[in-house]
Amino acid sequence: MTHRMLPSWAIIRFAAIVALAFVALPAVDMRLAFAADADTSSIAKSSRYQADTLQLKPLSDMSPADDYHGCKGGLYPDARNERPAAHESAGIQLASDIHPLDADGKLATDGKIVLLGIGFSNTLQCFKGFIDVAAEAKGLNPHVVLVNGAHGGRSAFMIESLDNPVGSDYWKSWVPSHLKDAGVTAAQVQAVWLKETDAQLGPGQLKMMGIDKYDCAMNHPFPDDARMLQAELGQIVRIIHGQFPNAKMVYLSSRSYGGWAQRGNTEPFSYDTGYAVKWLIEQQIQGSAELNFDPAKGEVKAPWLSWGPYLWANAEERRQDGFANLFDDYRSNDHLHHSDQGIKKMGMLLLEFFQKDSSTRGWFNTP
């Protein structure tokens, strides 16, 4: 494996010839890696937590009997955390068609498989962590190229359209420039990790977009806030299909915990974004023509959609899989963005997901 120190927005190339030996990451024990130092006392006992997070339960921990304002949990339909069999089968079939491509999108033994990160500032941080930990991992496909196309301050509303100046700049300038800097093209993008949110926009941002006002999803109660973000995510995945013709799969994650945030995406909105992702994926599973990925069923409008890693946990309370947040996972100046410690933790979650998921391990790892 060869490795160069690169800017945070750049790529990690997994070269076929080993020039430097890196120590492989040990197998990740979720309970140890993410929660060993966590204060496992009840949330109610700590003054750091906001009262409105006390009753929130991670979607992945909700049983069929649980609900949130009458809405069932689980990452997928029927309060389950596994993809339905038909959707799983479709994803595995698509994954089998992911191969190295040349700059024109044609099969090439020396081609590339681009995994592109799309989103806002937290996405930028998480994908940087992914790149960093991937640099020290063994057994990764040397053809895979990670490109961090996220942009700070670019919320879902800002990039859901190619028609507004900000969205146009993001999709037609920002992302292409990062692909070019990585030595790859849009035709080589075959998988995307998408993490988005909504945020209040100031007068300057509205002016950049050429609009006078903005009805932010954060201003609405659940489920309206999640439905608004769901619609924006739907627009984004359709743009991904249009901009990257060989993008077969989009993996989505919702916001991480926002209960300590001093501004921006606080709770329960950060939690609610999980339902936006859940419902978008379910919309595709249920056969929405606007999200169709199967050419046998009509015009393809979007890539195949799936959850990526689920990043929300109720502060330092451990999830059933052992994951928990730590107060120091967030920057001390806002507790909204991740600290270096949190960036690495998010990167480890992404690496483990792409190494192990049934729809990614065949092309992400060394064949």
Protein backbone atom coordinates (compact mmCIF):
# COMPACT_ATOMS: atom_id res chain seq x y z
CA MET A 1 0.00 0.00 0.00
CA THR A 2 1.27 3.48 -0.76
CA HIS A 3 0.14 6.52 1.11
CA ARG A 4 0.66 10.26 0.86
CA MET A 5 -0.43 12.90 3.34
CA LEU A 6 -3.28 14.70 1.62
CA PRO A 7 -5.63 17.58 2.41
CA SER A 8 -8.81 16.67 4.25
CA TRP A 9 -10.91 16.94 1.14
CA ALA A 10 -8.70 14.69 -0.88
CA ILE A 11 -8.58 10.96 -1.44
CA ILE A 12 -6.96 7.85 -0.23
CA ARG A 13 -5.63 5.66 -3.02
CA PHE A 14 -5.36 1.99 -2.26
CA ALA A 15 -2.34 1.13 -4.44
CA ALA A 16 -1.69 -2.41 -5.54
CA ILE A 17 2.02 -2.43 -4.68
CA VAL A 18 2.92 -2.30 -1.02
CA ALA A 19 5.50 0.39 -0.37
CA LEU A 20 4.88 1.10 3.28
CA ALA A 21 3.59 -1.28 5.88
CA PHE A 22 0.82 0.10 8.02
CA VAL A 23 -0.44 -1.56 11.15
CA ALA A 24 -3.92 -2.93 10.48
CA LEU A 25 -6.76 -1.70 12.58
CA PRO A 26 -7.78 -4.36 15.07
CA ALA A 27 -11.19 -5.90 14.82
CA VAL A 28 -13.60 -3.33 16.19
CA ASP A 29 -15.29 -4.30 19.41
CA MET A 30 -18.07 -1.74 19.46
CA ARG A 31 -18.50 -1.86 23.20
CA LEU A 32 -14.81 -1.24 23.85
CA ALA A 33 -13.94 1.11 21.03
CA PHE A 34 -16.83 3.47 21.49
CA ALA A 35 -18.08 3.22 25.03
CA ALA A 36 -15.32 2.05 27.33
CA ASP A 37 -14.82 5.53 28.75
CA ALA A 38 -18.48 6.49 28.74
CA ASP A 39 -20.32 7.49 31.87
CA THR A 40 -23.01 4.81 31.92
CA SER A 41 -25.09 6.48 34.59
CA SER A 42 -28.64 7.42 33.73
CA ILE A 43 -29.08 10.39 31.41
CA ALA A 44 -31.31 12.00 33.99
CA LYS A 45 -28.41 12.16 36.47
CA SER A 46 -26.25 14.44 34.34
CA SER A 47 -26.76 18.16 34.03
CA ARG A 48 -25.15 18.15 30.58
CA TYR A 49 -28.16 16.60 28.87
CA GLN A 50 -31.14 18.43 27.56
CA ALA A 51 -34.45 17.33 28.99
CA ASP A 52 -35.95 16.74 25.56
CA THR A 53 -33.59 13.81 24.91
CA LEU A 54 -34.53 11.82 28.00
CA GLN A 55 -37.20 9.70 26.32
CA LEU A 56 -35.56 9.38 22.91
CA LYS A 57 -34.54 5.88 21.90
CA PRO A 58 -32.18 5.08 19.01
CA LEU A 59 -34.12 3.81 16.02
CA SER A 60 -31.99 0.68 16.00
CA ASP A 61 -32.93 -0.09 19.61
CA MET A 62 -36.70 0.34 19.25
CA SER A 63 -38.76 -2.82 19.57
CA PRO A 64 -41.97 -3.46 17.58
CA ALA A 65 -43.86 -2.24 20.65
CA ASP A 66 -42.02 1.11 20.77
CA ASP A 67 -43.09 4.22 18.93
CA TYR A 68 -42.15 7.87 18.65
CA HIS A 69 -45.21 10.10 18.40
CA GLY A 70 -47.05 7.11 16.96
CA CYS A 71 -44.31 6.20 14.45
CA LYS A 72 -42.55 2.87 14.62
CA GLY A 73 -38.78 2.62 14.84
CA GLY A 74 -36.19 0.27 13.40
CA LEU A 75 -34.04 1.27 10.47
CA TYR A 76 -36.24 -0.57 7.98
CA PRO A 77 -39.94 -1.50 7.69
CA ASP A 78 -41.66 -3.54 10.39
CA ALA A 79 -39.33 -2.18 13.10
CA ARG A 80 -36.44 -4.26 11.75
CA ASN A 81 -32.79 -3.31 11.36
CA GLU A 82 -32.18 -5.60 8.39
CA ARG A 83 -33.00 -4.78 4.80
CA PRO A 84 -36.06 -6.66 3.50
CA ALA A 85 -35.06 -9.78 1.54
CA ALA A 86 -35.95 -8.41 -1.90
CA HIS A 87 -34.12 -5.13 -1.31
CA GLU A 88 -31.13 -7.00 0.08
CA SER A 89 -31.03 -9.25 -2.97
CA ALA A 90 -31.25 -6.28 -5.31
CA GLY A 91 -28.40 -4.55 -3.51
CA ILE A 92 -26.15 -7.58 -3.66
CA GLN A 93 -26.86 -7.96 -7.37
CA LEU A 94 -25.96 -4.33 -8.01
CA ALA A 95 -22.84 -4.69 -5.91
CA SER A 96 -21.69 -7.57 -8.09
CA ASP A 97 -21.70 -5.15 -11.01
CA ILE A 98 -19.28 -2.72 -9.36
CA HIS A 99 -15.90 -3.01 -11.10
CA PRO A 100 -12.98 -0.70 -11.83
CA LEU A 101 -13.84 1.81 -14.55
CA ASP A 102 -11.73 4.12 -16.68
CA ALA A 103 -12.31 7.86 -16.98
CA ASP A 104 -15.06 7.28 -19.52
CA GLY A 105 -16.87 4.76 -17.33
CA LYS A 106 -15.74 1.69 -19.25
CA LEU A 107 -14.44 -1.50 -17.64
CA ALA A 108 -10.70 -1.33 -17.11
CA THR A 109 -8.33 -3.56 -15.18
CA ASP A 110 -6.44 -0.45 -14.04
CA GLY A 111 -9.60 1.57 -13.43
CA LYS A 112 -11.09 3.05 -10.28
CA ILE A 113 -14.12 2.57 -8.04
CA VAL A 114 -15.00 5.93 -6.53
CA LEU A 115 -16.82 6.13 -3.21
CA LEU A 116 -17.95 9.75 -2.88
CA GLY A 117 -18.98 11.62 0.27
CA ILE A 118 -21.81 14.15 -0.13
CA GLY A 119 -23.09 16.52 2.52
CA PHE A 120 -22.35 19.37 4.93
CA SER A 121 -19.72 20.17 7.58
CA ASN A 122 -20.27 17.11 9.79
CA THR A 123 -20.14 14.94 6.68
CA LEU A 124 -16.88 16.61 5.74
CA GLN A 125 -15.49 15.74 9.19
CA CYS A 126 -16.77 12.16 9.21
CA PHE A 127 -15.43 11.41 5.74
CA LYS A 128 -12.05 12.87 6.71
CA GLY A 129 -12.03 10.43 9.63
CA PHE A 130 -12.92 7.64 7.21
CA ILE A 131 -10.02 8.56 4.93
CA ASP A 132 -7.62 8.73 7.86
CA VAL A 133 -8.46 5.33 9.33
CA ALA A 134 -8.67 3.71 5.89
CA ALA A 135 -5.07 4.79 5.32
CA GLU A 136 -3.98 2.39 8.07
CA ALA A 137 -6.28 -0.50 7.21
CA LYS A 138 -5.16 -3.61 5.38
CA GLY A 139 -7.15 -5.69 2.96
CA LEU A 140 -8.85 -2.84 1.10
CA ASN A 141 -9.40 -2.94 -2.64
CA PRO A 142 -6.53 -1.02 -4.27
CA HIS A 143 -8.93 0.24 -6.95
CA VAL A 144 -11.17 2.04 -4.45
CA VAL A 145 -10.74 5.80 -4.25
CA LEU A 146 -12.38 7.81 -1.48
CA VAL A 147 -13.32 11.36 -2.46
CA ASN A 148 -14.59 13.80 0.13
CA GLY A 149 -17.09 15.93 -1.75
CA ALA A 150 -18.80 17.38 1.33
CA HIS A 151 -18.86 21.14 1.84
CA GLY A 152 -19.25 23.01 5.13
CA GLY A 153 -22.50 24.92 5.40
CA ARG A 154 -24.25 23.12 2.55
CA SER A 155 -27.49 21.86 4.04
CA ALA A 156 -30.01 19.73 2.17
CA PHE A 157 -32.18 22.70 1.20
CA MET A 158 -29.16 24.41 -0.33
CA ILE A 159 -28.13 21.52 -2.60
CA GLU A 160 -31.48 19.91 -3.43
CA SER A 161 -31.66 21.79 -6.72
CA LEU A 162 -29.34 22.53 -9.61
CA ASP A 163 -31.30 25.69 -10.31
CA ASN A 164 -30.28 27.83 -7.34
CA PRO A 165 -26.77 29.37 -7.46
CA VAL A 166 -25.52 27.53 -4.37
CA GLY A 167 -26.78 24.12 -5.48
CA SER A 168 -25.46 24.68 -8.99
CA ASP A 169 -22.03 25.62 -7.67
CA TYR A 170 -21.94 22.59 -5.38
CA TRP A 171 -22.85 20.00 -8.01
CA LYS A 172 -21.23 21.60 -11.07
CA SER A 173 -18.09 23.08 -9.54
CA TRP A 174 -17.27 21.96 -5.99
CA VAL A 175 -17.77 18.22 -6.37
CA PRO A 176 -16.26 17.99 -9.89
CA SER A 177 -13.19 19.92 -8.74
CA HIS A 178 -12.61 17.44 -5.92
CA LEU A 179 -13.01 14.52 -8.28
CA LYS A 180 -10.51 16.13 -10.65
CA ASP A 181 -8.04 16.74 -7.84
CA ALA A 182 -8.33 13.05 -6.97
CA GLY A 183 -7.53 12.07 -10.53
CA VAL A 184 -10.95 10.54 -11.16
CA THR A 185 -14.13 11.44 -13.03
CA ALA A 186 -17.87 11.50 -12.47
CA ALA A 187 -18.14 8.37 -14.63
CA GLN A 188 -16.09 6.44 -12.06
CA VAL A 189 -18.38 7.25 -9.12
CA GLN A 190 -20.23 4.03 -8.29
CA ALA A 191 -21.18 4.46 -4.62
CA VAL A 192 -22.05 7.46 -2.47
CA TRP A 193 -22.26 8.10 1.25
CA LEU A 194 -24.84 10.83 1.91
CA LYS A 195 -25.33 12.56 5.23
CA GLU A 196 -27.46 15.69 5.21
CA THR A 197 -29.51 17.91 7.47
CA ASP A 198 -31.29 21.24 7.44
CA ALA A 199 -30.25 24.43 9.18
CA GLN A 200 -31.41 27.99 9.65
CA LEU A 201 -30.06 30.24 6.92
CA GLY A 202 -28.96 33.83 7.45
CA PRO A 203 -29.66 36.78 5.14
CA GLY A 204 -26.31 36.34 3.38
CA GLN A 205 -26.97 32.69 2.58
CA LEU A 206 -30.48 33.45 1.37
CA LYS A 207 -29.10 36.18 -0.86
CA MET A 208 -26.59 33.73 -2.36
CA MET A 209 -29.49 31.45 -3.21
CA GLY A 210 -31.55 34.29 -4.67
CA ILE A 211 -34.45 33.85 -2.24
CA ASP A 212 -35.99 36.13 0.38
CA LYS A 213 -37.09 33.62 2.98
CA TYR A 214 -36.80 29.98 3.90
CA ASP A 215 -39.21 27.76 5.80
CA CYS A 216 -36.66 25.58 7.61
CA ALA A 217 -37.63 22.06 8.62
CA MET A 218 -36.18 22.76 12.07
CA ASN A 219 -39.05 25.18 12.68
CA HIS A 220 -41.64 22.44 12.38
CA PRO A 221 -42.65 19.72 14.84
CA PHE A 222 -42.30 16.02 14.15
CA PRO A 223 -43.25 14.45 11.78
CA ASP A 224 -43.38 17.51 9.51
CA ASP A 225 -39.69 18.27 10.02
CA ALA A 226 -38.69 14.75 9.01
CA ARG A 227 -41.05 14.74 6.02
CA MET A 228 -39.59 18.00 4.74
CA LEU A 229 -36.04 16.65 4.99
CA GLN A 230 -37.16 13.38 3.40
CA ALA A 231 -38.41 15.30 0.35
CA GLU A 232 -35.11 17.18 0.08
CA LEU A 233 -33.11 13.97 0.36
CA GLY A 234 -35.27 12.54 -2.43
CA GLN A 235 -34.29 15.44 -4.65
CA ILE A 236 -30.62 14.95 -3.80
CA VAL A 237 -30.52 11.24 -4.65
CA ARG A 238 -32.17 12.03 -7.98
CA ILE A 239 -29.45 14.62 -8.63
CA ILE A 240 -26.83 11.99 -7.76
CA HIS A 241 -28.33 9.72 -10.41
CA GLY A 242 -28.19 12.50 -12.98
CA GLN A 243 -24.69 13.71 -12.15
CA PHE A 244 -23.07 10.29 -11.76
CA PRO A 245 -24.52 7.88 -14.33
CA ASN A 246 -22.70 4.85 -12.91
CA ALA A 247 -23.63 5.49 -9.28
CA LYS A 248 -25.46 2.33 -8.31
CA MET A 249 -25.77 2.69 -4.54
CA VAL A 250 -26.32 5.48 -2.04
CA TYR A 251 -25.79 4.84 1.67
CA LEU A 252 -27.44 7.34 3.97
CA SER A 253 -26.80 8.33 7.56
CA SER A 254 -28.74 10.73 9.75
CA ARG A 255 -27.38 13.32 12.17
CA SER A 256 -25.37 12.36 15.21
CA TYR A 257 -26.46 13.40 18.70
CA GLY A 258 -27.25 17.11 19.06
CA GLY A 259 -28.21 17.35 22.73
CA TRP A 260 -25.04 19.16 23.73
CA ALA A 261 -25.07 21.57 20.78
CA GLN A 262 -25.01 25.27 21.64
CA ARG A 263 -26.47 26.21 18.25
CA GLY A 264 -27.63 24.67 14.99
CA ASN A 265 -28.97 21.11 14.94
CA THR A 266 -30.01 20.54 18.52
CA GLU A 267 -32.51 17.97 19.75
CA PRO A 268 -34.95 16.57 18.96
CA PHE A 269 -34.36 17.66 15.36
CA SER A 270 -31.09 15.72 15.08
CA TYR A 271 -32.96 12.62 16.23
CA ASP A 272 -35.83 13.31 13.84
CA THR A 273 -33.49 13.28 10.84
CA GLY A 274 -33.28 9.51 11.34
CA TYR A 275 -36.92 9.24 10.35
CA ALA A 276 -36.25 11.29 7.20
CA VAL A 277 -33.68 8.68 6.13
CA LYS A 278 -35.82 5.74 7.25
CA TRP A 279 -38.88 6.97 5.38
CA LEU A 280 -36.95 7.80 2.20
CA ILE A 281 -35.53 4.27 2.03
CA GLU A 282 -38.95 2.79 2.80
CA GLN A 283 -40.43 4.94 0.04
CA GLN A 284 -38.11 3.25 -2.42
CA ILE A 285 -38.73 -0.20 -0.96
CA GLN A 286 -42.46 0.36 -1.35
CA GLY A 287 -42.00 0.95 -5.08
CA SER A 288 -42.07 4.73 -5.54
CA ALA A 289 -41.61 5.53 -9.23
CA GLU A 290 -39.76 8.72 -8.21
CA LEU A 291 -37.06 6.60 -6.55
CA ASN A 292 -37.01 3.66 -8.95
CA PHE A 293 -33.58 2.02 -9.33
CA ASP A 294 -34.67 -1.04 -11.35
CA PRO A 295 -34.78 -0.58 -15.15
CA ALA A 296 -37.11 -3.58 -15.39
CA LYS A 297 -39.73 -1.52 -13.54
CA GLY A 298 -39.51 1.66 -15.56
CA GLU A 299 -37.33 4.73 -15.87
CA VAL A 300 -34.50 4.75 -13.36
CA LYS A 301 -34.70 7.87 -11.20
CA ALA A 302 -32.31 7.12 -8.36
CA PRO A 303 -29.63 4.71 -7.19
CA TRP A 304 -30.44 1.84 -4.82
CA LEU A 305 -30.79 3.27 -1.30
CA SER A 306 -29.71 1.81 2.01
CA TRP A 307 -28.76 2.87 5.49
CA GLY A 308 -25.08 3.44 6.06
CA PRO A 309 -23.94 3.51 9.68
CA TYR A 310 -26.58 4.84 12.09
CA LEU A 311 -24.78 7.57 14.03
CA TRP A 312 -27.30 8.66 16.67
CA ALA A 313 -27.05 7.50 20.27
CA ASN A 314 -28.60 9.22 23.27
CA ALA A 315 -25.49 10.95 24.55
CA GLU A 316 -23.43 8.64 26.77
CA GLU A 317 -26.11 5.99 27.09
CA ARG A 318 -24.89 2.88 25.30
CA ARG A 319 -26.94 1.50 22.46
CA GLN A 320 -27.58 -2.22 22.33
CA ASP A 321 -24.57 -2.61 20.03
CA GLY A 322 -22.39 -0.80 22.55
CA PHE A 323 -22.02 2.52 20.72
CA ALA A 324 -22.24 5.71 22.75
CA ASN A 325 -21.22 9.32 22.40
CA LEU A 326 -18.76 11.01 24.71
CA PHE A 327 -18.97 14.68 25.61
CA ASP A 328 -15.41 15.09 24.33
CA ASP A 329 -16.39 13.68 20.92
CA TYR A 330 -17.55 17.22 20.16
CA ARG A 331 -15.64 20.47 19.90
CA SER A 332 -15.68 22.52 23.06
CA ASN A 333 -16.62 25.74 21.24
CA ASP A 334 -20.00 24.52 19.98
CA HIS A 335 -20.54 20.81 20.85
CA LEU A 336 -22.10 20.56 17.40
CA HIS A 337 -19.08 19.66 15.30
CA HIS A 338 -16.85 16.72 16.09
CA SER A 339 -13.53 16.98 17.88
CA ASP A 340 -10.51 15.08 16.58
CA GLN A 341 -11.56 12.20 18.85
CA GLY A 342 -15.08 12.25 17.42
CA ILE A 343 -13.82 12.48 13.84
CA LYS A 344 -11.80 9.31 14.32
CA LYS A 345 -14.77 7.55 15.92
CA MET A 346 -17.04 8.43 12.98
CA GLY A 347 -14.32 7.30 10.59
CA MET A 348 -14.11 3.93 12.34
CA LEU A 349 -17.87 3.48 12.04
CA LEU A 350 -17.72 4.15 8.31
CA LEU A 351 -14.75 1.87 7.77
CA GLU A 352 -16.36 -0.99 9.64
CA PHE A 353 -19.60 -0.55 7.74
CA PHE A 354 -18.02 -0.66 4.29
CA GLN A 355 -15.74 -3.54 5.25
CA LYS A 356 -18.57 -5.69 6.57
CA ASP A 357 -21.89 -4.84 4.92
CA SER A 358 -23.14 -7.54 2.54
CA SER A 359 -23.59 -5.00 -0.27
CA THR A 360 -20.15 -3.39 0.04
CA ARG A 361 -17.58 -5.90 1.26
CA GLY A 362 -17.25 -7.59 -2.14
CA TRP A 363 -15.97 -4.44 -3.86
CA PHE A 364 -14.57 -2.42 -0.94
CA ASN A 365 -12.21 -5.14 0.27
CA THR A 366 -9.44 -6.80 -1.69
CA PRO A 367 -11.06 -9.25 -4.12
